[in-house]
Structure formats: C-alpha cells, structure tokens
Amino acid sequence: MNICIIVFSPSGHTLQAAEMIKAAMEEQAMQVQLLNITGQKEVFKNNNLRGFLLENVNRHDVLCVGGPVYAGHLEGNARKVIKTLPDPDEHWGKLAIPFITYGGLHSSVSLQEAGALFHAGRRINIMGVKMASFHSLSQNLLPYKINEGKPGSEEEIVAREMARRLKQLSSQCKWDDVRRSFGYASLLHKVVLKFLDQDYFHGKYRTVRANPEVCNGCGICQKFCPVNLIEIVGQKAVRVDNGSYCLLCAECYHHCPRNAVVHDFVEQKITKKLNDEKDKYHEIPQSAVYPIVSL
C-alpha cells in the first residue's frame, strides 16, 4: 500500500506528528511519501499550490493531510490543501485520513472540518487522528508551558495504532466513511465556530512587524516564516504582500535574537488567555484515532 502524507506545520509540531505516522507505517511495510508544504516558495510566493501538488505528489492509495488547530478550526492552509486536491483517480487515491495537532486545550471542530472537506472531494474518510502537541504560543507562560515535549511517547502509540488499523483495512475492497466519529466537539463549540472563523478571532492582530530601530536584518524571521511573508530589504525585515496572511504563529517573534518583532497577539492577548485557561479544560483522550474502538 502506498501512502502520501501532506503536512503544513508552522511551528514544526505537526511535522513531528507526521514523521511519527510515517515511521509507524513503514514498520508495517508500507511505502510512504511525506510532503511538507511549509515555507515552500512555489506554494506561498508564487501562489501555485495546485501546481506544486501535481508536480510533487506520488501515486498513492491513501492520502493523509495534516495541519494544526487555530482558534478551534483546522488552519486555513491545511484546509486549502484538501480543497485543492484533484479528484480521485488511478494516481490520486480515494481513501483519506485527516490528522490534526492541537495545543492541548481543545481540538474542537477541526477534525470534523477536515473530514467534511475530504468527503466533498469524493474521498472516503477511513479514519482520523488527533495528537496533542506543544502549544507554541505558551512559551511565555509561568510556571509551566502547555504540553511541553509533545508530541511524544503517547502520540507514538497513537501513530502505531493508526498504522495497525490501516494495515488491516488494506485487505478490504470496500470501506465505510467514518467522518461522523470526528464530531466529538461540544455543541457549544459546533454552534459558535459555525459562525465565527479563524479571522474573527485573529484578524485585528495580523499587524506583526519588525521594529526598524531594533532590527539588524539578520534574516532569522524570514527563515522561520511558514508562509514567506517576510523579506530583508535594506538590511531590515519587512512584510510583503504575496497573497498569504500572517498566521500569528509567532515563529518570527520567538526566534528573533534581538526581540525586534512586535507581536500584539502574544503580548496583549494570548499569553493572559492561556494562563487563565490552561488548567480548566483538556480533551480526554488528548490524542486518539477515530473512530475510538473500545477494547
């Protein structure tokens, strides 16, 4: 069985999860391609996601697409990948496995959204996966960060369970779509997030910039921006308009050695919010393969 895993991973944790999944599948003697679109110039600078996928995705039986959860939703670029996929044919497999990573508070409707998009593209959701991961915006929290060290050993177990199930399913010639099992979010989340998208929560904070009086043009922020929004012009980091939008992932903010990046979302909003919420609510189980099978 040939598998293609496509991943968008702004902070690297979804990529870690994808690598765990790849390793677990290879243990089951599957052929796996892992394609990371993060920071790809053809995708973000040239705005040619479809062309990039057509050129780089190998023939496969099963397609996995993974991305992080932002504001309760599957991140927009991961959604765009699923929407952009060609229809299933002899090259593009009809079997799909969405997977998401989230910072430990809630994965909300993200897996359900991914499953619905795959279904709309005439693919069959044969399972879904969620994995808890380090909440990269919790780096300034005290006395501890959220899910530091994740994905870790518990998520490796989930990856192996996913691969084991896929091995069993590979002998079948007919498959059921299991996307209904992805609808585990609370009714409140489903209702609220049906009307409030990621931009509602994040839009007014997309003003991330480098302070020109502090920036020395080292280029580190440019290196870490997952959507290629930063260029060095006149030895200063500047935002460019390439058709993408700032994710507020804060990779530029956390990696800048001179603290030159001004990030209102981190400094004014999210740190306090996470500090208030980090002990209140965690999904159980944090990481799982869906549908959940009782032993």
Protein backbone atom coordinates (compact mmCIF):
# COMPACT_ATOMS: atom_id res chain seq x y z
CA MET A 1 0.00 0.00 0.00
CA ASN A 2 1.28 3.44 -0.96
CA ILE A 3 0.64 6.38 1.33
CA CYS A 4 1.14 10.10 0.76
CA ILE A 5 1.26 12.42 3.77
CA ILE A 6 0.91 16.14 3.07
CA VAL A 7 1.58 18.39 6.03
CA PHE A 8 1.51 22.10 6.86
CA SER A 9 3.39 22.77 10.08
CA PRO A 10 4.11 26.40 11.06
CA SER A 11 5.85 25.57 14.33
CA GLY A 12 7.16 22.11 13.47
CA HIS A 13 4.94 20.04 15.74
CA THR A 14 2.55 18.82 13.06
CA LEU A 15 5.61 17.78 11.08
CA GLN A 16 6.83 15.81 14.12
CA ALA A 17 3.46 14.06 14.23
CA ALA A 18 3.66 13.33 10.50
CA GLU A 19 7.12 11.84 10.93
CA MET A 20 5.81 9.60 13.73
CA ILE A 21 2.98 8.45 11.48
CA LYS A 22 5.38 7.81 8.61
CA ALA A 23 7.70 5.75 10.81
CA ALA A 24 4.79 3.70 12.18
CA MET A 25 3.50 3.00 8.68
CA GLU A 26 6.94 1.96 7.47
CA GLU A 27 7.10 -0.51 10.37
CA GLN A 28 4.03 -2.08 8.75
CA ALA A 29 5.89 -2.38 5.42
CA MET A 30 4.01 0.46 3.74
CA GLN A 31 5.57 2.81 1.19
CA VAL A 32 5.22 6.37 2.48
CA GLN A 33 5.87 9.77 0.92
CA LEU A 34 5.98 12.76 3.30
CA LEU A 35 5.48 16.12 1.59
CA ASN A 36 5.91 19.25 3.73
CA ILE A 37 4.46 22.39 2.12
CA THR A 38 5.56 24.69 4.94
CA GLY A 39 7.54 27.65 3.59
CA GLN A 40 7.52 26.34 0.02
CA LYS A 41 8.08 29.30 -2.29
CA GLU A 42 6.06 27.76 -5.11
CA VAL A 43 3.08 27.49 -2.77
CA PHE A 44 3.25 30.83 -0.99
CA LYS A 45 5.37 33.24 -3.05
CA ASN A 46 4.10 32.02 -6.43
CA ASN A 47 0.63 31.14 -5.14
CA ASN A 48 0.70 27.84 -7.04
CA LEU A 49 -0.40 25.19 -4.56
CA ARG A 50 -2.17 23.09 -7.18
CA GLY A 51 0.85 23.06 -9.47
CA PHE A 52 3.10 22.12 -6.56
CA LEU A 53 0.85 19.21 -5.62
CA LEU A 54 0.53 17.98 -9.20
CA GLU A 55 4.31 18.00 -9.62
CA ASN A 56 5.30 16.51 -6.29
CA VAL A 57 2.65 14.08 -5.03
CA ASN A 58 3.44 10.47 -5.95
CA ARG A 59 0.83 7.89 -6.88
CA HIS A 60 -0.85 6.63 -3.74
CA ASP A 61 -3.70 4.56 -2.36
CA VAL A 62 -4.24 6.58 0.81
CA LEU A 63 -3.85 10.33 1.26
CA CYS A 64 -3.20 11.87 4.68
CA VAL A 65 -3.37 15.63 5.17
CA GLY A 66 -2.32 17.17 8.46
CA GLY A 67 -2.34 20.64 9.96
CA PRO A 68 -2.60 22.45 13.27
CA VAL A 69 -5.70 23.75 15.02
CA TYR A 70 -6.02 27.53 15.11
CA ALA A 71 -8.90 29.12 17.06
CA GLY A 72 -10.80 25.83 17.04
CA HIS A 73 -10.58 25.38 13.27
CA LEU A 74 -8.27 23.41 11.00
CA GLU A 75 -5.69 26.00 9.92
CA GLY A 76 -6.62 27.64 6.63
CA ASN A 77 -3.64 26.47 4.57
CA ALA A 78 -4.29 22.84 5.53
CA ARG A 79 -7.93 23.31 4.54
CA LYS A 80 -6.79 24.78 1.25
CA VAL A 81 -4.68 21.69 0.53
CA ILE A 82 -7.73 19.43 0.81
CA LYS A 83 -9.87 21.79 -1.28
CA THR A 84 -7.18 21.95 -4.00
CA LEU A 85 -6.73 18.19 -4.42
CA PRO A 86 -7.62 16.71 -7.82
CA ASP A 87 -10.48 14.22 -7.90
CA PRO A 88 -9.56 10.61 -7.07
CA ASP A 89 -8.27 8.55 -9.99
CA GLU A 90 -5.58 5.95 -10.63
CA HIS A 91 -2.89 8.38 -9.39
CA TRP A 92 -4.80 10.18 -6.64
CA GLY A 93 -6.17 7.79 -4.03
CA LYS A 94 -9.79 7.88 -2.86
CA LEU A 95 -9.02 6.85 0.73
CA ALA A 96 -8.31 9.69 3.15
CA ILE A 97 -7.01 10.13 6.68
CA PRO A 98 -7.10 13.65 8.13
CA PHE A 99 -4.92 14.35 11.15
CA ILE A 100 -4.61 17.40 13.34
CA THR A 101 -2.34 18.62 16.11
CA TYR A 102 -3.51 20.98 18.81
CA GLY A 103 -2.13 22.71 21.85
CA GLY A 104 -3.91 20.60 24.41
CA LEU A 105 -6.90 22.76 25.36
CA HIS A 106 -9.29 21.61 22.65
CA SER A 107 -9.19 20.37 19.07
CA SER A 108 -12.81 21.44 18.67
CA VAL A 109 -14.33 21.10 15.17
CA SER A 110 -11.04 20.83 13.26
CA LEU A 111 -11.09 17.09 12.51
CA GLN A 112 -14.76 17.30 11.60
CA GLU A 113 -13.96 20.12 9.14
CA ALA A 114 -11.19 18.09 7.52
CA GLY A 115 -13.43 15.06 7.16
CA ALA A 116 -16.18 17.14 5.55
CA LEU A 117 -13.72 18.62 3.05
CA PHE A 118 -12.40 15.19 2.08
CA HIS A 119 -15.98 13.95 1.64
CA ALA A 120 -16.83 16.95 -0.54
CA GLY A 121 -13.84 15.99 -2.71
CA ARG A 122 -15.27 12.47 -3.23
CA ARG A 123 -12.86 10.78 -0.84
CA ILE A 124 -13.63 8.23 1.86
CA ASN A 125 -12.50 9.05 5.40
CA ILE A 126 -11.30 5.67 6.65
CA MET A 127 -10.10 7.09 9.97
CA GLY A 128 -8.99 10.33 11.60
CA VAL A 129 -6.25 11.21 14.06
CA LYS A 130 -5.72 13.95 16.62
CA MET A 131 -2.49 14.45 18.51
CA ALA A 132 -1.79 16.79 21.39
CA SER A 133 1.29 18.92 20.83
CA PHE A 134 3.24 21.70 22.46
CA HIS A 135 1.26 24.93 22.40
CA SER A 136 3.86 27.13 20.76
CA LEU A 137 2.14 30.32 21.95
CA SER A 138 2.53 29.22 25.57
CA GLN A 139 6.28 29.82 25.64
CA ASN A 140 5.91 32.84 27.93
CA LEU A 141 3.67 31.10 30.46
CA LEU A 142 4.67 30.54 34.08
CA PRO A 143 5.19 28.30 35.92
CA TYR A 144 4.86 25.83 33.05
CA LYS A 145 4.08 25.66 29.35
CA ILE A 146 1.20 23.74 27.76
CA ASN A 147 2.02 20.23 26.54
CA GLU A 148 5.76 20.80 26.52
CA GLY A 149 7.52 17.84 24.91
CA LYS A 150 4.54 16.76 22.83
CA PRO A 151 4.02 15.03 20.51
CA GLY A 152 5.86 12.38 22.50
CA SER A 153 5.60 8.75 23.58
CA GLU A 154 1.79 8.78 23.94
CA GLU A 155 1.44 10.11 20.42
CA GLU A 156 3.82 7.45 19.11
CA ILE A 157 1.38 4.86 20.48
CA VAL A 158 -1.44 6.59 18.60
CA ALA A 159 0.62 6.60 15.39
CA ARG A 160 1.25 2.86 15.73
CA GLU A 161 -2.44 2.22 16.34
CA MET A 162 -3.26 4.20 13.20
CA ALA A 163 -0.76 2.18 11.16
CA ARG A 164 -2.04 -1.11 12.60
CA ARG A 165 -5.60 -0.27 11.63
CA LEU A 166 -4.54 0.84 8.18
CA LYS A 167 -2.74 -2.47 7.66
CA GLN A 168 -5.99 -4.28 8.48
CA LEU A 169 -8.04 -2.03 6.19
CA SER A 170 -5.62 -2.53 3.30
CA SER A 171 -7.00 -6.02 2.66
CA GLN A 172 -10.53 -4.70 2.11
CA CYS A 173 -12.10 -3.73 -1.19
CA LYS A 174 -14.94 -1.73 0.36
CA TRP A 175 -14.64 0.95 3.04
CA ASP A 176 -17.06 2.91 5.20
CA ASP A 177 -16.72 6.66 5.66
CA VAL A 178 -16.24 7.27 9.39
CA ARG A 179 -16.35 11.08 9.42
CA ARG A 180 -19.32 11.09 11.80
CA SER A 181 -16.94 9.92 14.51
CA PHE A 182 -15.00 13.18 14.09
CA GLY A 183 -17.91 15.20 15.50
CA TYR A 184 -16.85 14.93 19.14
CA ALA A 185 -16.73 18.69 19.82
CA SER A 186 -19.22 20.12 22.29
CA LEU A 187 -22.49 21.51 20.94
CA LEU A 188 -21.38 24.97 22.06
CA HIS A 189 -18.19 24.76 20.01
CA LYS A 190 -20.08 23.48 16.98
CA VAL A 191 -22.61 26.31 17.11
CA VAL A 192 -20.17 29.12 17.85
CA LEU A 193 -17.50 28.06 15.37
CA LYS A 194 -20.06 27.55 12.61
CA PHE A 195 -20.39 31.34 12.54
CA LEU A 196 -17.01 32.54 13.82
CA ASP A 197 -14.00 31.73 11.67
CA GLN A 198 -10.29 31.99 12.41
CA ASP A 199 -10.18 35.56 11.10
CA TYR A 200 -12.84 36.64 13.60
CA PHE A 201 -10.52 35.76 16.47
CA HIS A 202 -7.21 36.73 14.86
CA GLY A 203 -7.91 39.32 12.17
CA LYS A 204 -7.26 42.52 14.11
CA TYR A 205 -3.93 41.19 15.40
CA ARG A 206 -2.39 40.48 11.98
CA THR A 207 -0.14 43.52 12.37
CA VAL A 208 3.05 41.63 13.24
CA ARG A 209 6.09 43.66 12.22
CA ALA A 210 9.75 44.23 12.95
CA ASN A 211 10.78 47.41 14.73
CA PRO A 212 13.22 49.01 12.25
CA GLU A 213 15.10 50.71 15.08
CA VAL A 214 15.97 47.32 16.58
CA CYS A 215 16.06 45.00 13.54
CA ASN A 216 19.51 44.40 12.03
CA GLY A 217 18.31 42.41 9.02
CA CYS A 218 19.77 39.08 10.16
CA GLY A 219 17.05 37.18 8.26
CA ILE A 220 16.13 34.72 11.01
CA CYS A 221 12.49 35.81 10.97
CA GLN A 222 12.42 35.33 7.20
CA LYS A 223 13.76 31.79 7.61
CA PHE A 224 11.07 30.81 10.11
CA CYS A 225 8.00 32.40 8.50
CA PRO A 226 5.93 29.43 7.24
CA VAL A 227 4.14 31.46 4.55
CA ASN A 228 7.05 33.55 3.20
CA LEU A 229 5.64 36.90 4.32
CA ILE A 230 8.99 38.39 5.32
CA GLU A 231 11.82 39.69 3.17
CA ILE A 232 15.00 41.57 4.01
CA VAL A 233 15.06 44.94 2.27
CA GLY A 234 17.77 47.48 3.02
CA GLN A 235 19.01 45.35 5.91
CA LYS A 236 15.59 45.43 7.57
CA ALA A 237 12.83 42.83 7.81
CA VAL A 238 9.67 43.94 6.01
CA ARG A 239 6.27 42.38 5.38
CA VAL A 240 5.43 41.61 1.76
CA ASP A 241 2.09 41.05 0.08
CA ASN A 242 2.21 37.62 -1.54
CA GLY A 243 -1.47 36.75 -1.24
CA SER A 244 -0.99 34.91 2.06
CA TYR A 245 -1.85 36.19 5.51
CA CYS A 246 0.00 36.23 8.82
CA LEU A 247 -0.90 33.14 10.85
CA LEU A 248 0.14 34.69 14.18
CA CYS A 249 2.21 31.55 14.75
CA ALA A 250 4.86 33.77 16.40
CA GLU A 251 7.81 31.85 14.97
CA CYS A 252 9.41 35.14 13.93
CA TYR A 253 8.72 36.57 17.39
CA HIS A 254 10.16 33.65 19.35
CA HIS A 255 13.27 33.20 17.19
CA CYS A 256 14.32 36.85 16.81
CA PRO A 257 17.62 37.22 18.71
CA ARG A 258 17.13 40.99 19.14
CA ASN A 259 13.48 40.97 20.25
CA ALA A 260 12.73 43.23 17.31
CA VAL A 261 9.38 41.68 16.38
CA VAL A 262 6.25 43.43 17.64
CA HIS A 263 3.51 40.82 18.12
CA ASP A 264 0.38 42.28 19.73
CA PHE A 265 -1.44 38.92 19.83
CA VAL A 266 1.24 37.36 22.04
CA GLU A 267 1.96 40.46 24.08
CA GLN A 268 -1.59 41.71 24.64
CA LYS A 269 -3.96 38.75 24.24
CA ILE A 270 -2.98 35.11 24.08
CA THR A 271 -0.49 34.82 26.96
CA LYS A 272 -3.06 36.02 29.50
CA LYS A 273 -5.83 33.93 27.92
CA LEU A 274 -3.78 30.72 28.03
CA ASN A 275 -2.67 31.41 31.59
CA ASP A 276 -6.32 31.72 32.61
CA GLU A 277 -7.43 28.59 30.74
CA LYS A 278 -4.56 26.11 30.90
CA ASP A 279 -5.86 24.28 33.99
CA LYS A 280 -9.56 24.45 33.11
CA TYR A 281 -10.16 22.11 30.20
CA HIS A 282 -8.39 19.32 28.42
CA GLU A 283 -9.89 16.85 25.98
CA ILE A 284 -9.98 13.23 27.06
CA PRO A 285 -8.31 11.47 25.44
CA GLN A 286 -5.84 14.11 24.36
CA SER A 287 -4.61 12.01 21.45
CA ALA A 288 -6.59 9.34 19.63
CA VAL A 289 -7.50 7.52 16.44
CA TYR A 290 -11.12 7.92 15.34
CA PRO A 291 -13.41 6.12 15.48
CA ILE A 292 -12.38 5.20 19.01
CA VAL A 293 -12.53 1.43 19.44
CA SER A 294 -13.33 0.01 22.88
CA LEU A 295 -11.03 -2.81 23.92
